[in-house]
Amino acid sequence: MTDPVFFAPSRRYTAGEVANLTGSVLVDSGHSDISIEALAPASEGGENALVFVDGKRNSALMPSLRAAAVLCPAEFAGKA
């Protein structure tokens, strides 16, 4: 499969909107207007992607992770 997107997104969300929808807190509220254009695993990331990081193995990826936003447990937030 060359294109991992099955459906076109119905609309784009900002990091602030994702935080509100998930009950999360932005570490830096100044980034609330960043546009999220894709989802990606922690192993891949992406410039405009929302990345989910859970577990110690994936938290080790955070210092070098490329992402528009990262959804992670509070104890991992300082590693970004």
N, C-alpha and C. Protein backbone atom coordinates (compact mmCIF):
# COMPACT_ATOMS: atom_id res chain seq x y z
N MET A 1 0.85 -1.16 0.00
CA MET A 1 0.00 0.00 0.00
C MET A 1 0.90 1.24 0.00
N THR A 2 0.72 2.08 -0.98
CA THR A 2 1.57 3.26 -1.08
C THR A 2 1.06 4.45 -0.30
N ASP A 3 -0.25 4.54 -0.09
CA ASP A 3 -0.83 5.67 0.63
C ASP A 3 -1.53 5.16 1.89
N PRO A 4 -1.00 5.47 3.09
CA PRO A 4 -1.58 4.94 4.32
C PRO A 4 -2.87 5.64 4.75
N VAL A 5 -3.37 6.60 3.97
CA VAL A 5 -4.58 7.33 4.33
C VAL A 5 -5.77 6.69 3.63
N PHE A 6 -6.72 6.17 4.40
CA PHE A 6 -7.90 5.53 3.82
C PHE A 6 -8.99 6.53 3.51
N PHE A 7 -9.14 7.53 4.35
CA PHE A 7 -10.17 8.54 4.18
C PHE A 7 -9.54 9.92 4.32
N ALA A 8 -10.00 10.84 3.52
CA ALA A 8 -9.53 12.22 3.66
C ALA A 8 -10.09 12.79 4.96
N PRO A 9 -9.30 13.55 5.70
CA PRO A 9 -9.81 14.14 6.94
C PRO A 9 -10.98 15.08 6.64
N SER A 10 -11.96 15.08 7.53
CA SER A 10 -13.12 15.96 7.33
C SER A 10 -12.76 17.41 7.61
N ARG A 11 -11.80 17.62 8.50
CA ARG A 11 -11.28 18.96 8.78
C ARG A 11 -10.00 18.83 9.58
N ARG A 12 -9.25 19.92 9.63
CA ARG A 12 -8.02 19.94 10.42
C ARG A 12 -8.34 20.45 11.82
N TYR A 13 -7.54 20.00 12.76
CA TYR A 13 -7.67 20.45 14.15
C TYR A 13 -6.39 21.15 14.55
N THR A 14 -6.48 22.01 15.53
CA THR A 14 -5.29 22.63 16.11
C THR A 14 -4.88 21.83 17.35
N ALA A 15 -3.67 22.06 17.81
CA ALA A 15 -3.20 21.39 19.02
C ALA A 15 -4.10 21.74 20.20
N GLY A 16 -4.56 22.98 20.27
CA GLY A 16 -5.47 23.40 21.35
C GLY A 16 -6.79 22.66 21.31
N GLU A 17 -7.34 22.47 20.11
CA GLU A 17 -8.60 21.74 19.97
C GLU A 17 -8.42 20.28 20.38
N VAL A 18 -7.31 19.67 19.99
CA VAL A 18 -7.04 18.28 20.38
C VAL A 18 -6.92 18.18 21.90
N ALA A 19 -6.24 19.13 22.51
CA ALA A 19 -6.11 19.14 23.97
C ALA A 19 -7.48 19.23 24.63
N ASN A 20 -8.34 20.10 24.14
CA ASN A 20 -9.68 20.23 24.71
C ASN A 20 -10.51 18.96 24.52
N LEU A 21 -10.43 18.37 23.33
CA LEU A 21 -11.21 17.16 23.04
C LEU A 21 -10.76 15.96 23.87
N THR A 22 -9.47 15.90 24.20
CA THR A 22 -8.94 14.75 24.93
C THR A 22 -8.79 14.99 26.42
N GLY A 23 -9.08 16.20 26.87
CA GLY A 23 -8.91 16.51 28.29
C GLY A 23 -7.45 16.64 28.67
N SER A 24 -6.62 16.98 27.71
CA SER A 24 -5.18 17.12 27.93
C SER A 24 -4.82 18.57 28.25
N VAL A 25 -3.58 18.77 28.65
CA VAL A 25 -3.07 20.11 28.95
C VAL A 25 -1.87 20.35 28.05
N LEU A 26 -1.84 21.50 27.39
CA LEU A 26 -0.67 21.87 26.59
C LEU A 26 0.45 22.32 27.51
N VAL A 27 1.65 21.81 27.29
CA VAL A 27 2.80 22.24 28.08
C VAL A 27 3.09 23.71 27.81
N ASP A 28 2.92 24.14 26.56
CA ASP A 28 3.13 25.54 26.18
C ASP A 28 1.88 26.02 25.45
N SER A 29 1.06 26.82 26.10
CA SER A 29 -0.20 27.28 25.51
C SER A 29 0.03 28.15 24.28
N GLY A 30 1.23 28.63 24.09
CA GLY A 30 1.57 29.40 22.90
C GLY A 30 1.54 28.57 21.62
N HIS A 31 1.49 27.25 21.77
CA HIS A 31 1.44 26.36 20.62
C HIS A 31 0.03 25.89 20.29
N SER A 32 -0.96 26.49 20.89
CA SER A 32 -2.34 26.01 20.73
C SER A 32 -2.87 26.15 19.30
N ASP A 33 -2.30 27.04 18.50
CA ASP A 33 -2.79 27.25 17.13
C ASP A 33 -2.07 26.40 16.09
N ILE A 34 -1.17 25.54 16.51
CA ILE A 34 -0.46 24.68 15.55
C ILE A 34 -1.46 23.72 14.91
N SER A 35 -1.42 23.63 13.58
CA SER A 35 -2.35 22.78 12.83
C SER A 35 -1.87 21.33 12.82
N ILE A 36 -2.80 20.42 13.11
CA ILE A 36 -2.53 18.98 13.05
C ILE A 36 -3.09 18.49 11.72
N GLU A 37 -2.23 17.89 10.89
CA GLU A 37 -2.65 17.45 9.57
C GLU A 37 -2.61 15.94 9.40
N ALA A 38 -2.03 15.23 10.38
CA ALA A 38 -1.89 13.78 10.26
C ALA A 38 -1.70 13.16 11.63
N LEU A 39 -1.84 11.86 11.69
CA LEU A 39 -1.50 11.08 12.88
C LEU A 39 -0.31 10.21 12.51
N ALA A 40 0.60 10.00 13.46
CA ALA A 40 1.77 9.19 13.17
C ALA A 40 2.23 8.46 14.42
N PRO A 41 2.83 7.28 14.24
CA PRO A 41 3.39 6.58 15.39
C PRO A 41 4.66 7.28 15.87
N ALA A 42 5.02 7.05 17.10
CA ALA A 42 6.21 7.68 17.67
C ALA A 42 7.47 7.32 16.89
N SER A 43 7.52 6.14 16.31
CA SER A 43 8.70 5.71 15.56
C SER A 43 8.90 6.49 14.27
N GLU A 44 7.83 7.13 13.76
CA GLU A 44 7.93 7.86 12.50
C GLU A 44 7.79 9.36 12.67
N GLY A 45 6.83 9.80 13.43
CA GLY A 45 6.59 11.23 13.62
C GLY A 45 6.27 11.92 12.31
N GLY A 46 6.41 13.21 12.28
CA GLY A 46 6.14 13.98 11.08
C GLY A 46 5.93 15.44 11.44
N GLU A 47 6.34 16.33 10.55
CA GLU A 47 6.29 17.77 10.81
C GLU A 47 4.92 18.26 11.27
N ASN A 48 3.85 17.79 10.67
CA ASN A 48 2.50 18.27 10.98
C ASN A 48 1.65 17.21 11.65
N ALA A 49 2.29 16.25 12.29
CA ALA A 49 1.57 15.10 12.84
C ALA A 49 1.33 15.20 14.34
N LEU A 50 0.23 14.60 14.75
CA LEU A 50 -0.04 14.35 16.16
C LEU A 50 0.50 12.97 16.44
N VAL A 51 1.38 12.87 17.42
CA VAL A 51 2.03 11.61 17.75
C VAL A 51 1.63 11.21 19.16
N PHE A 52 1.28 9.93 19.35
CA PHE A 52 0.93 9.40 20.66
C PHE A 52 2.14 8.65 21.20
N VAL A 53 2.57 9.00 22.40
CA VAL A 53 3.72 8.34 23.04
C VAL A 53 3.26 7.77 24.37
N ASP A 54 3.44 6.47 24.54
CA ASP A 54 3.11 5.81 25.79
C ASP A 54 4.15 4.72 26.03
N GLY A 55 4.57 4.56 27.23
CA GLY A 55 5.54 3.53 27.57
C GLY A 55 6.96 4.06 27.53
N LYS A 56 7.82 3.44 28.33
CA LYS A 56 9.20 3.90 28.45
C LYS A 56 9.98 3.80 27.14
N ARG A 57 9.72 2.75 26.37
CA ARG A 57 10.45 2.58 25.11
C ARG A 57 10.19 3.76 24.18
N ASN A 58 8.93 4.12 24.01
CA ASN A 58 8.60 5.23 23.11
C ASN A 58 8.97 6.59 23.71
N SER A 59 8.97 6.70 25.04
CA SER A 59 9.35 7.99 25.64
C SER A 59 10.81 8.32 25.35
N ALA A 60 11.63 7.30 25.13
CA ALA A 60 13.03 7.53 24.78
C ALA A 60 13.18 8.20 23.42
N LEU A 61 12.15 8.11 22.58
CA LEU A 61 12.18 8.74 21.26
C LEU A 61 11.88 10.24 21.32
N MET A 62 11.34 10.72 22.41
CA MET A 62 10.84 12.10 22.48
C MET A 62 11.88 13.19 22.21
N PRO A 63 13.11 13.09 22.69
CA PRO A 63 14.06 14.18 22.42
C PRO A 63 14.32 14.42 20.93
N SER A 64 14.20 13.39 20.10
CA SER A 64 14.48 13.54 18.67
C SER A 64 13.21 13.46 17.82
N LEU A 65 12.06 13.44 18.44
CA LEU A 65 10.79 13.28 17.74
C LEU A 65 10.41 14.52 16.96
N ARG A 66 10.01 14.34 15.70
CA ARG A 66 9.47 15.43 14.90
C ARG A 66 7.96 15.30 14.94
N ALA A 67 7.28 16.33 15.39
CA ALA A 67 5.82 16.29 15.47
C ALA A 67 5.28 17.70 15.66
N ALA A 68 4.04 17.90 15.23
CA ALA A 68 3.36 19.16 15.51
C ALA A 68 2.93 19.18 16.97
N ALA A 69 2.52 18.01 17.48
CA ALA A 69 2.09 17.87 18.87
C ALA A 69 2.27 16.42 19.29
N VAL A 70 2.46 16.23 20.59
CA VAL A 70 2.64 14.89 21.15
C VAL A 70 1.61 14.71 22.25
N LEU A 71 0.87 13.62 22.18
CA LEU A 71 -0.08 13.25 23.23
C LEU A 71 0.62 12.20 24.08
N CYS A 72 0.87 12.53 25.35
CA CYS A 72 1.63 11.62 26.20
C CYS A 72 1.23 11.81 27.66
N PRO A 73 1.59 10.83 28.52
CA PRO A 73 1.37 11.01 29.96
C PRO A 73 2.20 12.19 30.48
N ALA A 74 1.72 12.82 31.53
CA ALA A 74 2.39 14.00 32.08
C ALA A 74 3.85 13.75 32.43
N GLU A 75 4.17 12.55 32.90
CA GLU A 75 5.56 12.29 33.31
C GLU A 75 6.53 12.26 32.13
N PHE A 76 6.03 12.14 30.90
CA PHE A 76 6.90 12.16 29.72
C PHE A 76 7.01 13.55 29.10
N ALA A 77 6.15 14.47 29.48
CA ALA A 77 6.08 15.78 28.82
C ALA A 77 7.39 16.55 28.88
N GLY A 78 8.15 16.42 29.93
CA GLY A 78 9.41 17.14 30.06
C GLY A 78 10.52 16.61 29.18
N LYS A 79 10.31 15.46 28.54
CA LYS A 79 11.35 14.88 27.69
C LYS A 79 11.32 15.42 26.27
N ALA A 80 10.29 16.14 25.92
CA ALA A 80 10.16 16.62 24.53
C ALA A 80 11.16 17.71 24.22
